[in-house]
PDB file of N, CA and C in Angstrom:
ATOM      1  N   UNK A   1       7.530   0.466 -15.766  1.00  0.00           N
ATOM      2  CA  UNK A   1       8.693   0.273 -14.048  1.00  0.00           C
ATOM      3  C   UNK A   1       6.665   0.192 -14.137  1.00  0.00           C
ATOM      4  N   UNK A   2       6.617  -0.925 -13.318  1.00  0.00           N
ATOM      5  CA  UNK A   2       5.498  -1.042 -12.388  1.00  0.00           C
ATOM      6  C   UNK A   2       4.971  -0.316 -11.703  1.00  0.00           C
ATOM      7  N   UNK A   3       4.472   0.456 -11.690  1.00  0.00           N
ATOM      8  CA  UNK A   3       3.237   1.599 -10.165  1.00  0.00           C
ATOM      9  C   UNK A   3       2.901   0.685  -9.043  1.00  0.00           C
ATOM     10  N   UNK A   4       3.846   0.465  -7.997  1.00  0.00           N
ATOM     11  CA  UNK A   4       3.436   0.465  -6.982  1.00  0.00           C
ATOM     12  C   UNK A   4       2.393   0.789  -5.828  1.00  0.00           C
ATOM     13  N   UNK A   5       1.207   0.778  -5.305  1.00  0.00           N
ATOM     14  CA  UNK A   5       0.493   1.100  -4.366  1.00  0.00           C
ATOM     15  C   UNK A   5      -0.333   0.875  -2.949  1.00  0.00           C
ATOM     16  N   UNK A   6       0.449   1.360  -2.020  1.00  0.00           N
ATOM     17  CA  UNK A   6       0.063   0.698  -0.771  1.00  0.00           C
ATOM     18  C   UNK A   6      -0.910   1.699   0.102  1.00  0.00           C
ATOM     19  N   UNK A   7      -1.546   0.741   0.414  1.00  0.00           N
ATOM     20  CA  UNK A   7      -2.721   1.537   1.286  1.00  0.00           C
ATOM     21  C   UNK A   7      -2.620   0.822   2.427  1.00  0.00           C
ATOM     22  N   UNK A   8      -3.234   1.182   3.778  1.00  0.00           N
ATOM     23  CA  UNK A   8      -3.782   1.122   5.090  1.00  0.00           C
ATOM     24  C   UNK A   8      -4.863   1.481   5.000  1.00  0.00           C
ATOM     25  N   UNK A   9      -5.052   2.431   6.908  1.00  0.00           N
ATOM     26  CA  UNK A   9      -6.458   2.855   6.752  1.00  0.00           C
ATOM     27  C   UNK A   9      -5.964   4.337   6.921  1.00  0.00           C
ATOM     28  N   UNK A  10      -5.216   4.879   8.087  1.00  0.00           N
ATOM     29  CA  UNK A  10      -4.874   6.698   8.017  1.00  0.00           C
ATOM     30  C   UNK A  10      -3.310   6.919   7.539  1.00  0.00           C
ATOM     31  N   UNK A  11      -2.395   6.157   6.250  1.00  0.00           N
ATOM     32  CA  UNK A  11      -1.576   6.439   6.013  1.00  0.00           C
ATOM     33  C   UNK A  11      -0.270   6.926   6.459  1.00  0.00           C
ATOM     34  N   UNK A  12      -0.383   6.441   8.259  1.00  0.00           N
ATOM     35  CA  UNK A  12       0.643   6.841   8.470  1.00  0.00           C
ATOM     36  C   UNK A  12       1.966   6.571   9.637  1.00  0.00           C
ATOM     37  N   UNK A  13       1.435   5.021   9.353  1.00  0.00           N
ATOM     38  CA  UNK A  13       2.525   3.864   9.672  1.00  0.00           C
ATOM     39  C   UNK A  13       3.313   2.451   8.302  1.00  0.00           C
ATOM     40  N   UNK A  14       2.208   1.995   8.562  1.00  0.00           N
ATOM     41  CA  UNK A  14       2.195   1.080   7.578  1.00  0.00           C
ATOM     42  C   UNK A  14       2.481   0.967   5.921  1.00  0.00           C
ATOM     43  N   UNK A  15       1.609   1.946   5.173  1.00  0.00           N
ATOM     44  CA  UNK A  15       2.149   2.010   4.435  1.00  0.00           C
ATOM     45  C   UNK A  15       2.608   2.819   4.006  1.00  0.00           C
ATOM     46  N   UNK A  16       3.052   3.767   4.603  1.00  0.00           N
ATOM     47  CA  UNK A  16       4.235   4.984   4.061  1.00  0.00           C
ATOM     48  C   UNK A  16       5.674   3.920   4.762  1.00  0.00           C
ATOM     49  N   UNK A  17       5.574   3.332   5.354  1.00  0.00           N
ATOM     50  CA  UNK A  17       6.729   2.079   5.405  1.00  0.00           C
ATOM     51  C   UNK A  17       7.056   1.523   4.117  1.00  0.00           C
ATOM     52  N   UNK A  18       6.487   1.035   3.601  1.00  0.00           N
ATOM     53  CA  UNK A  18       5.838   0.119   2.336  1.00  0.00           C
ATOM     54  C   UNK A  18       6.410   1.239   1.455  1.00  0.00           C
ATOM     55  N   UNK A  19       6.102   2.400   1.519  1.00  0.00           N
ATOM     56  CA  UNK A  19       6.046   3.282  -0.201  1.00  0.00           C
ATOM     57  C   UNK A  19       8.083   3.524  -0.200  1.00  0.00           C
ATOM     58  N   UNK A  20       8.648   3.841   1.868  1.00  0.00           N
ATOM     59  CA  UNK A  20       9.931   4.233   1.547  1.00  0.00           C
ATOM     60  C   UNK A  20      10.346   3.353   1.430  1.00  0.00           C
ATOM     61  N   UNK A  21      10.444   1.923   1.464  1.00  0.00           N
ATOM     62  CA  UNK A  21      11.020   0.731   1.141  1.00  0.00           C
ATOM     63  C   UNK A  21      11.442   1.068  -0.691  1.00  0.00           C
ATOM     64  N   UNK A  22      10.684   1.694  -1.667  1.00  0.00           N
ATOM     65  CA  UNK A  22      10.634   1.372  -2.530  1.00  0.00           C
ATOM     66  C   UNK A  22      11.107   2.781  -3.117  1.00  0.00           C
ATOM     67  N   UNK A  23      11.810   3.807  -2.396  1.00  0.00           N
ATOM     68  CA  UNK A  23      12.470   4.929  -3.076  1.00  0.00           C
ATOM     69  C   UNK A  23      13.552   4.867  -3.531  1.00  0.00           C
ATOM     70  N   UNK A  24      13.482   5.611  -5.002  1.00  0.00           N
ATOM     71  CA  UNK A  24      15.060   4.783  -5.682  1.00  0.00           C
ATOM     72  C   UNK A  24      14.951   3.860  -6.174  1.00  0.00           C
ATOM     73  N   UNK A  25      13.846   3.122  -6.218  1.00  0.00           N
ATOM     74  CA  UNK A  25      14.112   2.197  -6.675  1.00  0.00           C
ATOM     75  C   UNK A  25      14.335   1.633  -8.158  1.00  0.00           C
ATOM     76  N   UNK A  26      14.998   1.264  -8.640  1.00  0.00           N
ATOM     77  CA  UNK A  26      15.650   0.777 -10.324  1.00  0.00           C
ATOM     78  C   UNK A  26      14.423   0.563 -11.099  1.00  0.00           C
ATOM     79  N   UNK A  27      13.496  -0.317 -10.508  1.00  0.00           N
ATOM     80  CA  UNK A  27      12.144  -1.127 -11.049  1.00  0.00           C
ATOM     81  C   UNK A  27      10.986  -0.819 -11.077  1.00  0.00           C
ATOM     82  N   UNK A  28      10.631   0.022  -9.611  1.00  0.00           N
ATOM     83  CA  UNK A  28       9.381   0.083  -9.487  1.00  0.00           C
ATOM     84  C   UNK A  28       9.393   2.014  -8.526  1.00  0.00           C
ATOM     85  N   UNK A  29       8.156   2.503  -9.316  1.00  0.00           N
ATOM     86  CA  UNK A  29       7.693   3.563  -8.698  1.00  0.00           C
ATOM     87  C   UNK A  29       6.524   3.226  -7.197  1.00  0.00           C
ATOM     88  N   UNK A  30       6.796   3.930  -6.076  1.00  0.00           N
ATOM     89  CA  UNK A  30       5.514   3.432  -5.022  1.00  0.00           C
ATOM     90  C   UNK A  30       5.060   4.685  -4.457  1.00  0.00           C
ATOM     91  N   UNK A  31       4.066   4.554  -4.093  1.00  0.00           N
ATOM     92  CA  UNK A  31       3.107   5.843  -3.279  1.00  0.00           C
ATOM     93  C   UNK A  31       2.125   4.875  -2.234  1.00  0.00           C
ATOM     94  N   UNK A  32       1.490   5.464  -1.627  1.00  0.00           N
ATOM     95  CA  UNK A  32       0.906   4.944  -0.416  1.00  0.00           C
ATOM     96  C   UNK A  32      -0.144   6.216  -0.211  1.00  0.00           C
ATOM     97  N   UNK A  33      -1.172   5.511   0.494  1.00  0.00           N
ATOM     98  CA  UNK A  33      -2.611   6.317   1.109  1.00  0.00           C
ATOM     99  C   UNK A  33      -3.377   5.830   1.708  1.00  0.00           C
ATOM    100  N   UNK A  34      -4.315   6.159   2.418  1.00  0.00           N
ATOM    101  CA  UNK A  34      -5.065   5.226   3.381  1.00  0.00           C
ATOM    102  C   UNK A  34      -6.813   5.682   3.144  1.00  0.00           C
ATOM    103  N   UNK A  35      -7.733   4.712   4.088  1.00  0.00           N
ATOM    104  CA  UNK A  35      -8.441   4.462   3.677  1.00  0.00           C
ATOM    105  C   UNK A  35     -10.079   5.589   4.069  1.00  0.00           C
ATOM    106  N   UNK A  36      -9.188   5.817   5.022  1.00  0.00           N
ATOM    107  CA  UNK A  36      -9.914   6.862   5.926  1.00  0.00           C
ATOM    108  C   UNK A  36      -9.587   8.094   5.952  1.00  0.00           C
ATOM    109  N   UNK A  37     -11.097   8.717   6.530  1.00  0.00           N
ATOM    110  CA  UNK A  37     -11.214  10.148   5.983  1.00  0.00           C
ATOM    111  C   UNK A  37     -10.539  11.109   6.984  1.00  0.00           C
ATOM    112  N   UNK A  38      -9.742  10.361   7.788  1.00  0.00           N
ATOM    113  CA  UNK A  38      -8.609  10.840   8.886  1.00  0.00           C
ATOM    114  C   UNK A  38      -7.105  11.098   7.905  1.00  0.00           C
ATOM    115  N   UNK A  39      -6.871   9.763   7.068  1.00  0.00           N
ATOM    116  CA  UNK A  39      -5.762   9.637   6.347  1.00  0.00           C
ATOM    117  C   UNK A  39      -5.130  10.803   5.774  1.00  0.00           C
ATOM    118  N   UNK A  40      -3.887  10.557   5.815  1.00  0.00           N
ATOM    119  CA  UNK A  40      -2.679  11.591   5.536  1.00  0.00           C
ATOM    120  C   UNK A  40      -2.606  11.904   4.473  1.00  0.00           C
ATOM    121  N   UNK A  41      -3.284  10.773   3.861  1.00  0.00           N
ATOM    122  CA  UNK A  41      -3.111  11.351   1.802  1.00  0.00           C
ATOM    123  C   UNK A  41      -4.172  10.301   1.682  1.00  0.00           C
ATOM    124  N   UNK A  42      -5.530  11.065   1.324  1.00  0.00           N
ATOM    125  CA  UNK A  42      -6.433  10.042   1.180  1.00  0.00           C
ATOM    126  C   UNK A  42      -6.647   9.062  -0.389  1.00  0.00           C
ATOM    127  N   UNK A  43      -7.028   8.002  -0.089  1.00  0.00           N
ATOM    128  CA  UNK A  43      -7.352   6.949  -1.373  1.00  0.00           C
ATOM    129  C   UNK A  43      -8.662   7.522  -2.244  1.00  0.00           C
ATOM    130  N   UNK A  44      -7.607   7.665  -3.349  1.00  0.00           N
ATOM    131  CA  UNK A  44      -8.921   8.866  -4.435  1.00  0.00           C
ATOM    132  C   UNK A  44      -8.970   7.659  -6.038  1.00  0.00           C
ATOM    133  N   UNK A  45      -9.415   7.675  -6.775  1.00  0.00           N
ATOM    134  CA  UNK A  45      -9.740   7.314  -8.447  1.00  0.00           C
ATOM    135  C   UNK A  45      -8.469   7.354  -8.800  1.00  0.00           C
ATOM    136  N   UNK A  46      -8.293   8.607  -8.687  1.00  0.00           N
ATOM    137  CA  UNK A  46      -6.520   8.748 -10.032  1.00  0.00           C
ATOM    138  C   UNK A  46      -5.276   8.077  -9.093  1.00  0.00           C
ATOM    139  N   UNK A  47      -5.179   8.002  -8.162  1.00  0.00           N
ATOM    140  CA  UNK A  47      -4.123   6.987  -7.463  1.00  0.00           C
ATOM    141  C   UNK A  47      -3.923   5.701  -7.897  1.00  0.00           C
ATOM    142  N   UNK A  48      -5.728   5.167  -7.966  1.00  0.00           N
ATOM    143  CA  UNK A  48      -5.967   4.042  -7.970  1.00  0.00           C
ATOM    144  C   UNK A  48      -5.864   3.126  -9.930  1.00  0.00           C
ATOM    145  N   UNK A  49      -5.914   4.404  -9.892  1.00  0.00           N
ATOM    146  CA  UNK A  49      -5.621   4.475 -11.752  1.00  0.00           C
ATOM    147  C   UNK A  49      -3.985   4.690 -12.346  1.00  0.00           C
ATOM    148  N   UNK A  50      -3.768   5.280 -11.146  1.00  0.00           N
ATOM    149  CA  UNK A  50      -1.607   5.437 -11.083  1.00  0.00           C
ATOM    150  C   UNK A  50      -1.624   4.002 -11.164  1.00  0.00           C
ATOM    151  N   UNK A  51      -1.704   2.916 -10.330  1.00  0.00           N
ATOM    152  CA  UNK A  51      -0.901   1.611 -10.101  1.00  0.00           C
ATOM    153  C   UNK A  51      -1.277   0.745 -10.860  1.00  0.00           C
ATOM    154  N   UNK A  52      -0.491   0.321 -11.283  1.00  0.00           N
ATOM    155  CA  UNK A  52      -0.282  -0.912 -11.942  1.00  0.00           C
ATOM    156  C   UNK A  52      -1.010  -2.436 -10.867  1.00  0.00           C
ATOM    157  N   UNK A  53      -0.039  -2.198  -9.339  1.00  0.00           N
ATOM    158  CA  UNK A  53      -0.412  -2.852  -8.270  1.00  0.00           C
ATOM    159  C   UNK A  53      -1.172  -2.681  -7.289  1.00  0.00           C
ATOM    160  N   UNK A  54      -2.213  -2.625  -6.521  1.00  0.00           N
ATOM    161  CA  UNK A  54      -2.481  -2.407  -5.286  1.00  0.00           C
ATOM    162  C   UNK A  54      -2.446  -3.195  -4.501  1.00  0.00           C
ATOM    163  N   UNK A  55      -1.575  -2.822  -2.985  1.00  0.00           N
ATOM    164  CA  UNK A  55      -1.055  -3.381  -1.868  1.00  0.00           C
ATOM    165  C   UNK A  55      -2.234  -3.351  -0.809  1.00  0.00           C
ATOM    166  N   UNK A  56      -2.412  -4.206  -0.270  1.00  0.00           N
ATOM    167  CA  UNK A  56      -3.213  -3.381   1.220  1.00  0.00           C
ATOM    168  C   UNK A  56      -2.928  -4.139   2.337  1.00  0.00           C
ATOM    169  N   UNK A  57      -3.258  -3.360   3.858  1.00  0.00           N
ATOM    170  CA  UNK A  57      -2.521  -4.162   4.340  1.00  0.00           C
ATOM    171  C   UNK A  57      -3.564  -5.476   5.193  1.00  0.00           C
ATOM    172  N   UNK A  58      -4.267  -4.512   4.618  1.00  0.00           N
ATOM    173  CA  UNK A  58      -5.742  -5.592   5.465  1.00  0.00           C
ATOM    174  C   UNK A  58      -7.043  -6.404   4.605  1.00  0.00           C
ATOM    175  N   UNK A  59      -7.684  -7.366   5.120  1.00  0.00           N
ATOM    176  CA  UNK A  59      -8.681  -7.726   4.137  1.00  0.00           C
ATOM    177  C   UNK A  59      -9.900  -6.298   4.237  1.00  0.00           C
ATOM    178  N   UNK A  60     -10.145  -5.862   5.309  1.00  0.00           N
ATOM    179  CA  UNK A  60     -10.524  -4.800   5.055  1.00  0.00           C
ATOM    180  C   UNK A  60     -10.581  -3.667   4.277  1.00  0.00           C
ATOM    181  N   UNK A  61      -9.239  -3.072   4.001  1.00  0.00           N
ATOM    182  CA  UNK A  61      -8.785  -2.252   2.721  1.00  0.00           C
ATOM    183  C   UNK A  61      -9.498  -3.086   1.639  1.00  0.00           C
ATOM    184  N   UNK A  62      -8.970  -3.995   1.403  1.00  0.00           N
ATOM    185  CA  UNK A  62      -9.477  -4.455   0.045  1.00  0.00           C
ATOM    186  C   UNK A  62     -10.804  -4.686   0.029  1.00  0.00           C
ATOM    187  N   UNK A  63     -11.654  -5.027   0.710  1.00  0.00           N
ATOM    188  CA  UNK A  63     -13.448  -4.675   1.061  1.00  0.00           C
ATOM    189  C   UNK A  63     -13.702  -3.207   0.561  1.00  0.00           C
ATOM    190  N   UNK A  64     -13.114  -2.361   1.074  1.00  0.00           N
ATOM    191  CA  UNK A  64     -13.566  -0.945   1.478  1.00  0.00           C
ATOM    192  C   UNK A  64     -13.249  -0.420  -0.707  1.00  0.00           C
ATOM    193  N   UNK A  65     -11.874  -1.136  -0.999  1.00  0.00           N
ATOM    194  CA  UNK A  65     -11.680  -1.102  -2.347  1.00  0.00           C
ATOM    195  C   UNK A  65     -12.583  -1.261  -3.706  1.00  0.00           C
ATOM    196  N   UNK A  66     -12.586  -2.277  -3.457  1.00  0.00           N
ATOM    197  CA  UNK A  66     -13.556  -3.019  -4.505  1.00  0.00           C
ATOM    198  C   UNK A  66     -15.005  -2.217  -4.160  1.00  0.00           C
ATOM    199  N   UNK A  67     -15.617  -1.535  -2.554  1.00  0.00           N
ATOM    200  CA  UNK A  67     -16.905  -1.063  -3.022  1.00  0.00           C
ATOM    201  C   UNK A  67     -16.331   0.426  -3.663  1.00  0.00           C
ATOM    202  N   UNK A  68     -15.238   1.669  -3.492  1.00  0.00           N
ATOM    203  CA  UNK A  68     -15.630   2.414  -3.657  1.00  0.00           C
ATOM    204  C   UNK A  68     -15.167   2.812  -4.825  1.00  0.00           C
ATOM    205  N   UNK A  69     -14.289   2.390  -5.322  1.00  0.00           N
ATOM    206  CA  UNK A  69     -12.594   2.529  -6.774  1.00  0.00           C
ATOM    207  C   UNK A  69     -13.215   0.985  -7.853  1.00  0.00           C
ATOM    208  N   UNK A  70     -13.007   1.399  -9.165  1.00  0.00           N
ATOM    209  CA  UNK A  70     -12.804   0.843 -10.309  1.00  0.00           C
ATOM    210  C   UNK A  70     -11.349   0.170 -10.269  1.00  0.00           C
ATOM    211  N   UNK A  71     -11.156  -1.278 -10.101  1.00  0.00           N
ATOM    212  CA  UNK A  71     -10.092  -1.422 -10.158  1.00  0.00           C
ATOM    213  C   UNK A  71      -9.992  -1.794 -11.970  1.00  0.00           C
ATOM    214  N   UNK A  72     -10.325  -2.284 -12.474  1.00  0.00           N
ATOM    215  CA  UNK A  72      -9.865  -2.947 -14.330  1.00  0.00           C
ATOM    216  C   UNK A  72      -9.189  -3.562 -13.974  1.00  0.00           C
ATOM    217  N   UNK A  73      -9.205  -4.425 -13.242  1.00  0.00           N
ATOM    218  CA  UNK A  73      -9.133  -5.682 -13.263  1.00  0.00           C
ATOM    219  C   UNK A  73      -7.316  -5.687 -12.817  1.00  0.00           C
ATOM    220  N   UNK A  74      -7.008  -4.402 -12.072  1.00  0.00           N
ATOM    221  CA  UNK A  74      -5.377  -4.530 -11.623  1.00  0.00           C
ATOM    222  C   UNK A  74      -5.494  -5.519 -10.535  1.00  0.00           C
ATOM    223  N   UNK A  75      -4.182  -6.249 -10.080  1.00  0.00           N
ATOM    224  CA  UNK A  75      -4.014  -6.915  -9.137  1.00  0.00           C
ATOM    225  C   UNK A  75      -4.316  -6.301  -7.375  1.00  0.00           C
ATOM    226  N   UNK A  76      -4.915  -6.827  -6.948  1.00  0.00           N
ATOM    227  CA  UNK A  76      -5.506  -6.304  -5.660  1.00  0.00           C
ATOM    228  C   UNK A  76      -4.817  -7.367  -4.388  1.00  0.00           C
ATOM    229  N   UNK A  77      -3.311  -7.028  -3.893  1.00  0.00           N
ATOM    230  CA  UNK A  77      -3.319  -8.071  -3.282  1.00  0.00           C
ATOM    231  C   UNK A  77      -3.415  -7.514  -1.908  1.00  0.00           C
ATOM    232  N   UNK A  78      -3.648  -8.712  -0.933  1.00  0.00           N
ATOM    233  CA  UNK A  78      -3.535  -8.247   0.819  1.00  0.00           C
ATOM    234  C   UNK A  78      -2.230  -9.164   1.563  1.00  0.00           C
ATOM    235  N   UNK A  79      -1.795  -7.946   2.127  1.00  0.00           N
ATOM    236  CA  UNK A  79      -0.474  -8.148   2.899  1.00  0.00           C
ATOM    237  C   UNK A  79      -0.737  -8.856   3.843  1.00  0.00           C
ATOM    238  N   UNK A  80      -2.395  -9.178   4.610  1.00  0.00           N
ATOM    239  CA  UNK A  80      -2.423  -9.107   6.035  1.00  0.00           C
ATOM    240  C   UNK A  80      -1.538  -8.799   7.194  1.00  0.00           C
ATOM    241  N   UNK A  81      -0.808  -7.591   7.000  1.00  0.00           N
ATOM    242  CA  UNK A  81      -0.423  -6.614   8.563  1.00  0.00           C
ATOM    243  C   UNK A  81      -1.034  -6.055   9.195  1.00  0.00           C
ATOM    244  N   UNK A  82      -1.077  -6.381  10.491  1.00  0.00           N
ATOM    245  CA  UNK A  82      -1.813  -5.918  10.834  1.00  0.00           C
ATOM    246  C   UNK A  82      -1.754  -4.253  11.596  1.00  0.00           C
ATOM    247  N   UNK A  83      -2.757  -3.587  11.913  1.00  0.00           N
ATOM    248  CA  UNK A  83      -2.356  -1.986  12.542  1.00  0.00           C
ATOM    249  C   UNK A  83      -1.181  -2.351  14.348  1.00  0.00           C
ATOM    250  N   UNK A  84       0.054  -3.134  13.690  1.00  0.00           N
ATOM    251  CA  UNK A  84       0.262  -2.746  15.208  1.00  0.00           C
ATOM    252  C   UNK A  84       2.107  -2.620  15.535  1.00  0.00           C
ATOM    253  N   UNK A  85       2.105  -1.713  14.469  1.00  0.00           N
ATOM    254  CA  UNK A  85       3.308  -1.150  13.656  1.00  0.00           C
ATOM    255  C   UNK A  85       3.130  -0.096  13.440  1.00  0.00           C
ATOM    256  N   UNK A  86       4.241   1.131  14.034  1.00  0.00           N
ATOM    257  CA  UNK A  86       5.054   2.698  14.151  1.00  0.00           C
ATOM    258  C   UNK A  86       5.245   3.280  12.573  1.00  0.00           C
ATOM    259  N   UNK A  87       5.269   3.869  12.387  1.00  0.00           N
ATOM    260  CA  UNK A  87       6.202   3.904  11.037  1.00  0.00           C
ATOM    261  C   UNK A  87       7.538   3.866  11.715  1.00  0.00           C
ATOM    262  N   UNK A  88       7.788   3.111  10.082  1.00  0.00           N
ATOM    263  CA  UNK A  88       9.586   3.061  10.050  1.00  0.00           C
ATOM    264  C   UNK A  88      10.333   1.625  11.185  1.00  0.00           C
ATOM    265  N   UNK A  89       8.840   1.398  11.484  1.00  0.00           N
ATOM    266  CA  UNK A  89       9.369   0.027  12.975  1.00  0.00           C
ATOM    267  C   UNK A  89      10.159  -0.951  11.960  1.00  0.00           C
ATOM    268  N   UNK A  90      11.559  -1.649  12.722  1.00  0.00           N
ATOM    269  CA  UNK A  90      12.245  -2.245  12.463  1.00  0.00           C
ATOM    270  C   UNK A  90      11.620  -3.814  12.166  1.00  0.00           C
ATOM    271  N   UNK A  91      10.451  -4.649  13.133  1.00  0.00           N
ATOM    272  CA  UNK A  91       9.942  -5.064  12.616  1.00  0.00           C
ATOM    273  C   UNK A  91       8.979  -5.478  11.252  1.00  0.00           C
ATOM    274  N   UNK A  92       7.844  -4.433  11.591  1.00  0.00           N
ATOM    275  CA  UNK A  92       7.366  -4.195  10.335  1.00  0.00           C
ATOM    276  C   UNK A  92       8.048  -3.994   8.516  1.00  0.00           C
ATOM    277  N   UNK A  93       9.566  -3.607   9.167  1.00  0.00           N
ATOM    278  CA  UNK A  93      10.118  -3.565   7.471  1.00  0.00           C
ATOM    279  C   UNK A  93      10.776  -4.854   7.143  1.00  0.00           C
ATOM    280  N   UNK A  94      10.923  -5.654   8.344  1.00  0.00           N
ATOM    281  CA  UNK A  94      11.643  -7.132   8.024  1.00  0.00           C
ATOM    282  C   UNK A  94       9.962  -7.999   7.446  1.00  0.00           C
ATOM    283  N   UNK A  95       8.825  -7.514   7.919  1.00  0.00           N
ATOM    284  CA  UNK A  95       7.935  -8.400   7.440  1.00  0.00           C
ATOM    285  C   UNK A  95       7.360  -8.211   5.891  1.00  0.00           C
ATOM    286  N   UNK A  96       7.459  -6.309   5.796  1.00  0.00           N
ATOM    287  CA  UNK A  96       7.632  -6.161   4.843  1.00  0.00           C
ATOM    288  C   UNK A  96       8.438  -6.159   3.755  1.00  0.00           C
ATOM    289  N   UNK A  97       9.742  -6.363   4.326  1.00  0.00           N
ATOM    290  CA  UNK A  97      10.677  -6.679   2.999  1.00  0.00           C
ATOM    291  C   UNK A  97      10.207  -8.566   2.866  1.00  0.00           C
ATOM    292  N   UNK A  98       9.639  -9.251   3.739  1.00  0.00           N
ATOM    293  CA  UNK A  98       9.860 -11.009   3.451  1.00  0.00           C
ATOM    294  C   UNK A  98       8.245 -10.862   1.804  1.00  0.00           C
ATOM    295  N   UNK A  99       7.174 -10.483   2.844  1.00  0.00           N
ATOM    296  CA  UNK A  99       5.947 -10.157   1.797  1.00  0.00           C
ATOM    297  C   UNK A  99       5.842  -9.248  -0.150  1.00  0.00           C
ATOM    298  N   UNK A 100       7.297  -8.825   0.096  1.00  0.00           N
ATOM    299  CA  UNK A 100       7.238  -8.156  -1.184  1.00  0.00           C
ATOM    300  C   UNK A 100       8.589  -8.351  -1.722  1.00  0.00           C
ATOM    301  N   UNK A 101       9.056  -9.212  -1.355  1.00  0.00           N
ATOM    302  CA  UNK A 101      10.677  -9.775  -1.393  1.00  0.00           C
ATOM    303  C   UNK A 101      10.451 -10.506  -3.052  1.00  0.00           C
ATOM    304  N   UNK A 102       9.359 -11.051  -3.933  1.00  0.00           N
ATOM    305  CA  UNK A 102       9.462 -10.725  -5.533  1.00  0.00           C
ATOM    306  C   UNK A 102       9.590  -9.713  -6.347  1.00  0.00           C
ATOM    307  N   UNK A 103       9.275  -8.026  -4.990  1.00  0.00           N
ATOM    308  CA  UNK A 103       9.416  -6.834  -5.886  1.00  0.00           C
ATOM    309  C   UNK A 103      10.274  -5.811  -5.272  1.00  0.00           C
ATOM    310  N   UNK A 104      10.989  -6.693  -3.944  1.00  0.00           N
ATOM    311  CA  UNK A 104      12.348  -5.540  -4.117  1.00  0.00           C
ATOM    312  C   UNK A 104      13.723  -5.666  -4.914  1.00  0.00           C
TER     313      UNK A 104
END
């Protein structure tokens, strides 16, 4: 069962919404974290190691991860979702479902 990790800045809106889409999923486990020091759950190497695939909301998150963590050739996918949405926003859910169609 692949482990999916979703990353945004503060782990308040986008990445927790993505994680919630996979709650109870039969094929995948999901977690989320943030790159900011103010993140609800701060990204660390243990989470990166846990993940089979890492999804980031923006290119800046990809660059932070590449600089600060060892990915060990894990896929690192940029969803390109700007910080314009609240937690569980219906429009955000629609965007995430489209972007993650092959995983859901």
